[in-house]
Amino acid sequence: MKERKVEFFSDGAKMAGLLRSPDTSSGPLPGIVQGPGWLGLKDAKLYLPYHEALTLAGFHVLIFDYRGFGDSEGDRGLILPDFQLQDLINAVTFMTTLEEVDEMNIGTFGSGGTGGGNSILLGAVDRRIKCVVSQVPVSDGEDWLHRMRQEYEWVDFLRRLDEDRKLRVTTGVGALVNPLEEIMVATPERKKTNVKGDVANKIPNQVPLSCAEAILRYKPIEFVRIVAPTPLLIIGVENDAVTPTDHAIDLYEAAGEPKKLIMQRATTHYEAYKQYGDYVIPEIVLWFSAALQHGEIDIHEATSTGRSFRTLRIGRNN
């Protein structure tokens, strides 16, 4: 796998990315765009096994830091899914400018909470995306934050948000909080795991409390139905205490065809990456391969009952 640093702009902010590519290639190859998961960064070793498998299968993979995170420009630590979605859309546009990428065959991969949800949102709003893979996604931000807390804690959390909202409009300054303790509430497994340890010191430990309001408005479940007819693969974990299992199931049930659900059992949110990687990663590669490694011809036909439409897929090696 080859790797080179790349840069592009999103709403004027310079974005830092890594383009990972096959060691050898001839002609333009399909591309996959990935935004990191919740508080994730492009440098995380967690993503390497996925990218190694995808580049070996003949894909270019672009992963980048969202604005305000890692090596990208922007206000530090602003967790705003609307901005992240725009960054993803601009990343797709950047991919279309690369000669080595087949701009007609671009997919998206997202893993971990809002990472999984963002891939669904991108597939819903950007028809340049021809395939979506969403791993352990959040479907509803409000439900996600609520279920991390006991009811009295949730009531107090909403009270704090209301007080902070008033403070911001009267003083211009709001509260700063730890995103792993006061927005997301870390599970015991999250506190013990070292899955993201290689980038932990680069993750902001103070972000505006107002970011929580953006997470409350975060609703991939309201958009998943319009991903179709783009192929959608969803990967969940049974009894997941970090991103609830029913979020993955709800997204799958609400989605149109074609779609597929993989449920990992007898594991946990973070253990699943390693425990089932040898199975899940090949499934991801197969899903992208079926959707992206083909050419397309759109055929419009006039009939006695009206106008019909069909798509003919032609294998590249035919």
Protein backbone atom coordinates (compact mmCIF):
# COMPACT_ATOMS: atom_id res chain seq x y z
CA MET A 1 0.00 0.00 0.00
CA LYS A 2 1.32 3.42 -0.97
CA GLU A 3 0.49 6.50 1.06
CA ARG A 4 0.87 10.20 0.41
CA LYS A 5 -0.25 13.32 2.21
CA VAL A 6 -2.82 15.43 0.37
CA GLU A 7 -4.62 18.71 0.99
CA PHE A 8 -7.90 20.19 -0.18
CA PHE A 9 -10.16 23.01 0.92
CA SER A 10 -13.56 22.86 2.60
CA ASP A 11 -15.35 26.18 3.01
CA GLY A 12 -11.95 27.90 2.90
CA ALA A 13 -10.31 25.69 5.55
CA LYS A 14 -7.35 23.60 4.42
CA MET A 15 -8.04 19.93 5.07
CA ALA A 16 -5.26 17.43 5.72
CA GLY A 17 -5.70 13.94 4.31
CA LEU A 18 -3.96 10.70 3.48
CA LEU A 19 -4.43 9.05 0.09
CA ARG A 20 -3.74 5.34 0.32
CA SER A 21 -3.38 3.52 -2.99
CA PRO A 22 -2.47 0.13 -4.48
CA ASP A 23 1.25 -0.50 -4.89
CA THR A 24 0.74 -0.83 -8.63
CA SER A 25 -2.13 0.23 -10.81
CA SER A 26 -2.97 0.86 -14.45
CA GLY A 27 -5.59 3.41 -15.37
CA PRO A 28 -8.05 5.15 -13.04
CA LEU A 29 -9.30 3.02 -10.14
CA PRO A 30 -12.38 3.40 -7.90
CA GLY A 31 -12.06 5.60 -4.82
CA ILE A 32 -13.40 5.44 -1.28
CA VAL A 33 -13.81 8.50 0.97
CA GLN A 34 -13.69 8.13 4.74
CA GLY A 35 -14.23 10.63 7.50
CA PRO A 36 -13.04 9.35 10.92
CA GLY A 37 -15.39 8.16 13.63
CA TRP A 38 -16.42 10.02 16.78
CA LEU A 39 -13.42 12.19 17.77
CA GLY A 40 -11.27 10.12 15.41
CA LEU A 41 -8.30 11.20 13.35
CA LYS A 42 -6.91 10.12 10.00
CA ASP A 43 -3.69 8.78 11.57
CA ALA A 44 -5.42 6.17 13.75
CA LYS A 45 -3.92 2.71 13.30
CA LEU A 46 -7.40 1.29 13.80
CA TYR A 47 -8.20 2.01 10.14
CA LEU A 48 -5.04 0.49 8.64
CA PRO A 49 -6.28 -3.13 8.24
CA TYR A 50 -9.32 -1.85 6.33
CA HIS A 51 -7.24 0.34 4.04
CA GLU A 52 -4.64 -2.35 3.41
CA ALA A 53 -7.36 -4.75 2.30
CA LEU A 54 -9.13 -2.15 0.16
CA THR A 55 -5.98 -0.97 -1.61
CA LEU A 56 -4.95 -4.59 -2.21
CA ALA A 57 -8.34 -5.06 -3.88
CA GLY A 58 -7.69 -2.13 -6.21
CA PHE A 59 -9.20 0.93 -4.48
CA HIS A 60 -7.83 4.33 -3.60
CA VAL A 61 -8.81 5.38 -0.06
CA LEU A 62 -8.89 9.00 1.10
CA ILE A 63 -9.11 9.57 4.85
CA PHE A 64 -8.86 13.05 6.30
CA ASP A 65 -9.19 15.06 9.51
CA TYR A 66 -12.43 17.01 9.80
CA ARG A 67 -12.07 20.77 10.12
CA GLY A 68 -10.89 21.76 13.57
CA PHE A 69 -9.30 18.37 14.21
CA GLY A 70 -5.85 16.88 13.75
CA ASP A 71 -3.85 18.57 11.02
CA SER A 72 -6.80 20.30 9.35
CA GLU A 73 -7.53 23.98 9.74
CA GLY A 74 -10.64 25.34 11.41
CA ASP A 75 -11.84 26.19 14.89
CA ARG A 76 -10.33 23.64 17.26
CA GLY A 77 -12.61 20.94 18.56
CA LEU A 78 -15.92 22.01 17.07
CA ILE A 79 -17.96 18.80 16.74
CA LEU A 80 -20.54 19.88 14.17
CA PRO A 81 -21.95 17.09 11.98
CA ASP A 82 -23.27 19.61 9.43
CA PHE A 83 -19.72 20.86 8.88
CA GLN A 84 -18.39 17.30 8.79
CA LEU A 85 -20.88 16.37 6.09
CA GLN A 86 -19.78 19.35 4.01
CA ASP A 87 -16.16 18.29 4.51
CA LEU A 88 -17.06 14.84 3.19
CA ILE A 89 -18.83 16.29 0.14
CA ASN A 90 -15.75 18.40 -0.60
CA ALA A 91 -13.53 15.35 -0.13
CA VAL A 92 -15.56 13.58 -2.83
CA THR A 93 -15.04 16.56 -5.14
CA PHE A 94 -11.32 16.45 -4.41
CA MET A 95 -11.25 12.75 -5.35
CA THR A 96 -12.80 13.60 -8.72
CA THR A 97 -9.85 15.89 -9.47
CA LEU A 98 -7.29 13.08 -9.13
CA GLU A 99 -6.25 11.46 -12.40
CA GLU A 100 -5.66 8.10 -10.74
CA VAL A 101 -9.25 7.95 -9.42
CA ASP A 102 -12.25 6.83 -11.49
CA GLU A 103 -14.60 9.70 -10.67
CA MET A 104 -17.63 7.65 -11.78
CA ASN A 105 -16.96 5.02 -9.13
CA ILE A 106 -16.61 6.53 -5.66
CA GLY A 107 -17.89 5.02 -2.42
CA THR A 108 -17.80 5.98 1.24
CA PHE A 109 -16.84 4.13 4.40
CA GLY A 110 -17.58 5.31 7.94
CA SER A 111 -16.86 3.56 11.22
CA GLY A 112 -17.69 4.38 14.81
CA GLY A 113 -20.71 6.40 15.99
CA THR A 114 -20.96 9.57 13.94
CA GLY A 115 -18.42 8.12 11.50
CA GLY A 116 -20.92 5.42 10.56
CA GLY A 117 -23.79 7.89 10.54
CA ASN A 118 -21.91 10.37 8.37
CA SER A 119 -21.34 7.80 5.63
CA ILE A 120 -25.11 7.29 5.46
CA LEU A 121 -25.75 11.04 5.28
CA LEU A 122 -23.16 11.39 2.51
CA GLY A 123 -24.77 8.57 0.55
CA ALA A 124 -28.15 10.24 0.95
CA VAL A 125 -27.19 13.73 -0.22
CA ASP A 126 -24.42 13.11 -2.77
CA ARG A 127 -25.41 11.02 -5.78
CA ARG A 128 -21.78 10.76 -6.84
CA ILE A 129 -21.51 8.14 -4.10
CA LYS A 130 -22.09 4.70 -5.61
CA CYS A 131 -21.69 2.54 -2.49
CA VAL A 132 -21.96 3.03 1.29
CA VAL A 133 -20.49 1.05 4.19
CA SER A 134 -21.53 2.10 7.70
CA GLN A 135 -19.96 0.36 10.70
CA VAL A 136 -21.44 0.65 14.22
CA PRO A 137 -23.37 3.83 13.35
CA VAL A 138 -25.42 6.27 15.37
CA SER A 139 -28.91 6.68 13.89
CA ASP A 140 -30.29 9.32 16.29
CA GLY A 141 -27.98 11.62 18.23
CA GLU A 142 -30.55 12.58 20.85
CA ASP A 143 -31.34 8.97 21.66
CA TRP A 144 -27.62 8.18 21.72
CA LEU A 145 -26.80 10.84 24.30
CA HIS A 146 -29.94 10.12 26.33
CA ARG A 147 -29.21 6.41 26.72
CA MET A 148 -25.74 7.10 28.11
CA ARG A 149 -27.37 8.69 31.15
CA GLN A 150 -29.76 7.82 33.92
CA GLU A 151 -32.94 9.84 33.71
CA TYR A 152 -32.01 12.33 36.41
CA GLU A 153 -28.66 12.85 34.64
CA TRP A 154 -30.46 13.46 31.35
CA VAL A 155 -32.76 16.05 32.92
CA ASP A 156 -29.73 17.80 34.41
CA PHE A 157 -27.91 17.64 31.06
CA LEU A 158 -30.81 19.34 29.28
CA ARG A 159 -30.89 21.98 32.03
CA ARG A 160 -27.17 22.67 31.50
CA LEU A 161 -27.72 23.03 27.77
CA ASP A 162 -30.52 25.52 28.35
CA GLU A 163 -28.42 27.56 30.77
CA ASP A 164 -25.47 27.53 28.37
CA ARG A 165 -27.69 28.63 25.49
CA LYS A 166 -28.79 31.68 27.49
CA LEU A 167 -25.22 32.38 28.60
CA ARG A 168 -23.97 32.41 25.01
CA VAL A 169 -26.55 34.92 23.80
CA THR A 170 -26.07 37.27 26.77
CA THR A 171 -22.28 37.11 27.16
CA GLY A 172 -21.02 35.69 23.86
CA VAL A 173 -19.16 32.92 25.69
CA GLY A 174 -20.32 29.39 26.50
CA ALA A 175 -19.03 26.55 28.64
CA LEU A 176 -16.19 24.24 27.62
CA VAL A 177 -16.47 20.54 28.51
CA ASN A 178 -14.64 17.25 28.07
CA PRO A 179 -16.30 15.56 25.08
CA LEU A 180 -15.62 12.04 26.43
CA GLU A 181 -17.18 12.75 29.81
CA GLU A 182 -19.72 15.55 29.44
CA ILE A 183 -21.11 15.07 25.92
CA MET A 184 -20.51 11.41 25.27
CA VAL A 185 -20.31 9.49 28.54
CA ALA A 186 -17.54 6.91 28.24
CA THR A 187 -18.45 3.33 29.08
CA PRO A 188 -16.13 1.28 31.33
CA GLU A 189 -14.86 -0.46 28.16
CA ARG A 190 -14.10 2.89 26.51
CA LYS A 191 -12.10 3.99 29.55
CA LYS A 192 -10.01 0.81 29.48
CA THR A 193 -9.52 0.32 25.77
CA ASN A 194 -6.37 1.40 23.97
CA VAL A 195 -7.89 1.06 20.48
CA LYS A 196 -7.44 4.78 19.84
CA GLY A 197 -4.44 5.21 22.12
CA ASP A 198 -2.12 6.16 19.26
CA VAL A 199 -4.07 9.37 18.62
CA ALA A 200 -5.51 10.01 22.09
CA ASN A 201 -3.09 12.84 22.84
CA LYS A 202 -4.23 14.68 19.68
CA ILE A 203 -7.94 14.61 20.54
CA PRO A 204 -9.26 17.86 22.12
CA ASN A 205 -10.14 17.51 25.79
CA GLN A 206 -12.14 20.74 25.82
CA VAL A 207 -14.92 21.51 23.34
CA PRO A 208 -17.90 23.89 23.48
CA LEU A 209 -20.89 22.42 25.31
CA SER A 210 -22.96 23.85 22.47
CA CYS A 211 -21.66 21.01 20.28
CA ALA A 212 -24.06 18.75 22.16
CA GLU A 213 -26.98 20.61 20.59
CA ALA A 214 -25.66 19.68 17.15
CA ILE A 215 -25.50 16.02 18.22
CA LEU A 216 -29.10 16.19 19.47
CA ARG A 217 -30.13 17.28 15.95
CA TYR A 218 -28.12 14.49 14.33
CA LYS A 219 -30.64 12.11 12.68
CA PRO A 220 -29.23 9.75 9.99
CA ILE A 221 -32.37 7.65 10.49
CA GLU A 222 -34.38 10.40 8.76
CA PHE A 223 -32.19 10.23 5.64
CA VAL A 224 -31.30 6.56 5.25
CA ARG A 225 -34.31 5.75 3.08
CA ILE A 226 -33.06 8.08 0.34
CA VAL A 227 -29.67 6.36 0.11
CA ALA A 228 -31.34 3.79 -2.17
CA PRO A 229 -30.73 2.69 -4.84
CA THR A 230 -27.11 3.12 -3.71
CA PRO A 231 -25.98 -0.19 -2.12
CA LEU A 232 -25.74 0.07 1.69
CA LEU A 233 -23.89 -2.28 4.04
CA ILE A 234 -24.45 -1.80 7.78
CA ILE A 235 -22.31 -3.50 10.42
CA GLY A 236 -23.45 -3.70 14.03
CA VAL A 237 -22.52 -5.32 17.33
CA GLU A 238 -25.06 -7.23 19.40
CA ASN A 239 -25.57 -5.75 22.88
CA ASP A 240 -23.38 -2.77 22.02
CA ALA A 241 -23.07 -0.40 24.99
CA VAL A 242 -21.36 2.35 22.97
CA THR A 243 -23.51 2.69 19.84
CA PRO A 244 -26.78 0.89 20.57
CA THR A 245 -27.43 -2.24 18.52
CA ASP A 246 -30.93 -1.10 17.59
CA HIS A 247 -29.48 1.98 15.87
CA ALA A 248 -27.85 -0.30 13.29
CA ILE A 249 -30.99 -2.43 13.00
CA ASP A 250 -33.30 0.59 12.66
CA LEU A 251 -31.13 2.03 9.89
CA TYR A 252 -31.12 -1.30 8.06
CA GLU A 253 -34.88 -1.74 8.34
CA ALA A 254 -35.57 1.83 7.16
CA ALA A 255 -33.18 1.61 4.21
CA GLY A 256 -34.22 0.68 0.69
CA GLU A 257 -32.68 -2.05 -1.44
CA PRO A 258 -29.98 -3.11 -2.05
CA LYS A 259 -28.85 -3.48 1.54
CA LYS A 260 -27.10 -5.90 3.86
CA LEU A 261 -26.72 -6.16 7.64
CA ILE A 262 -23.83 -7.88 9.43
CA MET A 263 -24.32 -8.39 13.18
CA GLN A 264 -21.30 -9.34 15.29
CA ARG A 265 -22.22 -11.44 18.31
CA ALA A 266 -20.53 -12.46 21.57
CA THR A 267 -18.23 -9.45 21.49
CA THR A 268 -18.14 -5.76 22.45
CA HIS A 269 -17.95 -2.48 20.54
CA TYR A 270 -14.16 -2.18 20.66
CA GLU A 271 -13.24 -5.88 20.78
CA ALA A 272 -15.20 -6.51 17.59
CA TYR A 273 -12.68 -4.61 15.46
CA LYS A 274 -10.02 -7.21 16.20
CA GLN A 275 -12.17 -10.25 16.98
CA TYR A 276 -14.14 -10.19 13.72
CA GLY A 277 -11.81 -8.19 11.49
CA ASP A 278 -10.77 -11.25 9.50
CA TYR A 279 -14.41 -11.79 8.55
CA VAL A 280 -15.85 -8.29 8.39
CA ILE A 281 -13.06 -6.67 6.38
CA PRO A 282 -13.38 -9.15 3.46
CA GLU A 283 -17.14 -8.56 3.51
CA ILE A 284 -16.53 -4.81 3.20
CA VAL A 285 -14.14 -5.38 0.30
CA LEU A 286 -16.66 -7.63 -1.46
CA TRP A 287 -19.43 -5.04 -1.01
CA PHE A 288 -17.34 -2.27 -2.54
CA SER A 289 -16.07 -4.56 -5.29
CA ALA A 290 -19.57 -5.54 -6.37
CA ALA A 291 -20.69 -1.92 -6.54
CA LEU A 292 -17.65 -0.04 -7.77
CA GLN A 293 -15.53 -2.22 -10.01
CA HIS A 294 -17.94 -2.05 -12.91
CA GLY A 295 -18.77 0.44 -15.61
CA GLU A 296 -22.32 1.69 -16.11
CA ILE A 297 -24.55 2.54 -19.05
CA ASP A 298 -27.87 4.25 -18.39
CA ILE A 299 -30.56 3.15 -20.87
CA HIS A 300 -33.79 5.11 -21.34
CA GLU A 301 -36.53 3.40 -23.34
CA ALA A 302 -39.85 4.73 -24.60
CA THR A 303 -42.70 2.24 -24.20
CA SER A 304 -46.42 2.28 -24.91
CA THR A 305 -47.09 2.81 -21.20
CA GLY A 306 -44.51 5.54 -20.68
CA ARG A 307 -40.79 5.96 -20.25
CA SER A 308 -38.76 3.29 -18.49
CA PHE A 309 -35.21 3.30 -17.20
CA ARG A 310 -32.64 0.63 -16.54
CA THR A 311 -28.92 0.50 -15.80
CA LEU A 312 -26.58 -1.96 -17.49
CA ARG A 313 -23.41 -2.80 -15.60
CA ILE A 314 -20.42 -3.94 -17.60
CA GLY A 315 -17.43 -5.64 -16.02
CA ARG A 316 -14.19 -3.77 -16.53
CA ASN A 317 -12.39 -6.88 -17.70
CA ASN A 318 -15.05 -7.88 -20.24
